[in-house]
Amino acid sequence: MIYTLLVLSSPTSGHGGRHAAAFAQAAIARGHQIERVFFLDQGTETGSQMAVMPQDEPNRLQPWLELAEQHGVELVLCIASALKHGMLDAGEAARYDRPCATVHPAFVVSGLGQFIDATDRADRLVTFGG
């Protein structure tokens, strides 16, 4: 079965993102496929390479990096939401004359077309947060 995941919640409020990453790992371990995770609204903050979490809290970025590196899962931040939350890749940082990119290189900033494409090819869409 092919899943597309939609993450709506901020990594610092609630557990939606953490549950989404755990779901993805469990689905892959059971032989299912996750080609793309789409982050929308506050969920785009998941892709921040600038956030520093307290030492006694789990690294909220690492599970996503492992999914991308080990399983080829594409991590896509909605461009409209990303811009509103200060999430810029190198191209957007240059376009808006900002000093640096804030998005981790494992994430792609793209439009809703990527989400529509992913849901069209998936058997199931699972949403986390809200």
Protein backbone atom coordinates (compact mmCIF):
# COMPACT_ATOMS: atom_id res chain seq x y z
CA MET A 1 0.00 0.00 0.00
CA ILE A 2 1.24 3.51 -0.79
CA TYR A 3 0.66 6.24 1.77
CA THR A 4 0.93 10.01 1.56
CA LEU A 5 1.26 11.82 4.87
CA LEU A 6 0.08 15.35 5.62
CA VAL A 7 1.60 17.02 8.68
CA LEU A 8 -0.21 20.14 9.95
CA SER A 9 1.09 20.68 13.47
CA SER A 10 4.19 22.47 14.66
CA PRO A 11 6.94 20.23 15.97
CA THR A 12 6.93 22.23 19.21
CA SER A 13 3.19 22.00 19.90
CA GLY A 14 1.57 18.63 20.22
CA HIS A 15 2.72 15.26 18.98
CA GLY A 16 1.36 15.20 15.41
CA GLY A 17 4.75 15.36 13.74
CA ARG A 18 6.31 12.79 16.03
CA HIS A 19 3.37 10.42 15.49
CA ALA A 20 3.62 10.95 11.72
CA ALA A 21 7.31 9.99 11.69
CA ALA A 22 6.62 6.93 13.86
CA PHE A 23 3.72 5.92 11.60
CA ALA A 24 5.95 6.24 8.54
CA GLN A 25 8.67 4.06 10.07
CA ALA A 26 6.13 1.43 11.13
CA ALA A 27 4.43 1.40 7.72
CA ILE A 28 7.75 0.97 5.92
CA ALA A 29 8.78 -1.78 8.34
CA ARG A 30 5.57 -3.63 7.38
CA GLY A 31 6.38 -3.39 3.67
CA HIS A 32 4.26 -0.37 2.78
CA GLN A 33 5.54 2.59 0.82
CA ILE A 34 5.67 6.28 1.70
CA GLU A 35 6.93 8.35 -1.18
CA ARG A 36 6.14 11.82 0.09
CA VAL A 37 5.29 13.67 3.28
CA PHE A 38 3.71 17.08 2.77
CA PHE A 39 4.03 19.68 5.52
CA LEU A 40 1.40 22.43 5.61
CA ASP A 41 0.64 25.38 7.88
CA GLN A 42 2.64 25.16 11.13
CA GLY A 43 3.87 21.74 10.07
CA THR A 44 6.38 23.49 7.79
CA GLU A 45 8.37 24.43 10.90
CA THR A 46 9.44 20.77 11.01
CA GLY A 47 11.97 21.49 8.27
CA SER A 48 13.83 24.18 10.20
CA GLN A 49 17.57 23.80 10.41
CA MET A 50 17.69 26.80 12.77
CA ALA A 51 15.72 25.46 15.73
CA VAL A 52 17.69 24.22 18.71
CA MET A 53 15.78 21.91 21.01
CA PRO A 54 16.60 21.59 24.73
CA GLN A 55 18.92 18.70 25.52
CA ASP A 56 16.26 16.85 27.50
CA GLU A 57 13.83 16.80 24.54
CA PRO A 58 13.96 14.41 21.59
CA ASN A 59 15.46 15.67 18.36
CA ARG A 60 12.36 16.37 16.29
CA LEU A 61 14.26 16.63 13.00
CA GLN A 62 16.22 13.36 13.13
CA PRO A 63 13.34 10.94 12.45
CA TRP A 64 12.52 12.83 9.25
CA LEU A 65 16.13 12.89 8.13
CA GLU A 66 16.33 9.12 8.65
CA LEU A 67 13.18 8.57 6.56
CA ALA A 68 14.61 10.67 3.74
CA GLU A 69 18.10 9.16 3.83
CA GLN A 70 17.28 5.52 4.54
CA HIS A 71 14.02 5.13 2.63
CA GLY A 72 14.02 7.88 0.00
CA VAL A 73 10.92 9.56 1.42
CA GLU A 74 10.46 13.01 -0.11
CA LEU A 75 9.84 15.75 2.48
CA VAL A 76 7.93 18.69 0.97
CA LEU A 77 7.13 21.99 2.66
CA CYS A 78 4.19 23.94 1.20
CA ILE A 79 5.74 27.11 -0.19
CA ALA A 80 2.93 29.45 0.87
CA SER A 81 2.93 28.13 4.43
CA ALA A 82 6.72 27.93 4.57
CA LEU A 83 7.16 31.59 3.63
CA LYS A 84 4.66 32.68 6.30
CA HIS A 85 6.65 30.76 8.90
CA GLY A 86 10.06 32.03 7.82
CA MET A 87 11.03 28.75 6.21
CA LEU A 88 13.21 29.60 3.21
CA ASP A 89 15.36 27.38 1.03
CA ALA A 90 18.37 28.95 -0.71
CA GLY A 91 16.32 30.01 -3.73
CA GLU A 92 13.60 31.71 -1.68
CA ALA A 93 16.17 33.37 0.60
CA ALA A 94 17.82 34.91 -2.47
CA ARG A 95 14.46 35.89 -4.00
CA TYR A 96 13.38 37.74 -0.87
CA ASP A 97 16.85 39.13 -0.11
CA ARG A 98 17.22 37.26 3.17
CA PRO A 99 20.65 36.47 4.65
CA CYS A 100 20.34 32.68 4.73
CA ALA A 101 18.25 29.61 4.11
CA THR A 102 16.38 28.30 7.14
CA VAL A 103 15.16 25.00 5.64
CA HIS A 104 17.23 21.86 6.17
CA PRO A 105 18.53 20.58 2.80
CA ALA A 106 16.64 17.27 3.21
CA PHE A 107 13.38 19.21 2.70
CA VAL A 108 12.03 20.61 -0.56
CA VAL A 109 9.93 23.78 -0.75
CA SER A 110 7.21 23.36 -3.37
CA GLY A 111 3.58 24.04 -4.18
CA LEU A 112 0.33 22.22 -3.61
CA GLY A 113 0.76 20.46 -6.95
CA GLN A 114 3.23 18.13 -5.21
CA PHE A 115 0.56 17.30 -2.63
CA ILE A 116 -2.09 16.66 -5.29
CA ASP A 117 0.33 14.45 -7.23
CA ALA A 118 1.17 12.47 -4.09
CA THR A 119 -2.47 11.93 -3.12
CA ASP A 120 -3.32 10.92 -6.67
CA ARG A 121 -0.67 8.16 -6.63
CA ALA A 122 -1.35 7.03 -3.04
CA ASP A 123 -3.81 4.45 -1.81
CA ARG A 124 -4.31 6.37 1.45
CA LEU A 125 -3.81 9.89 2.80
CA VAL A 126 -3.14 10.09 6.53
CA THR A 127 -3.26 13.49 8.25
CA PHE A 128 -1.46 14.36 11.49
CA GLY A 129 -2.18 17.42 13.63
CA GLY A 130 -4.73 20.05 12.98
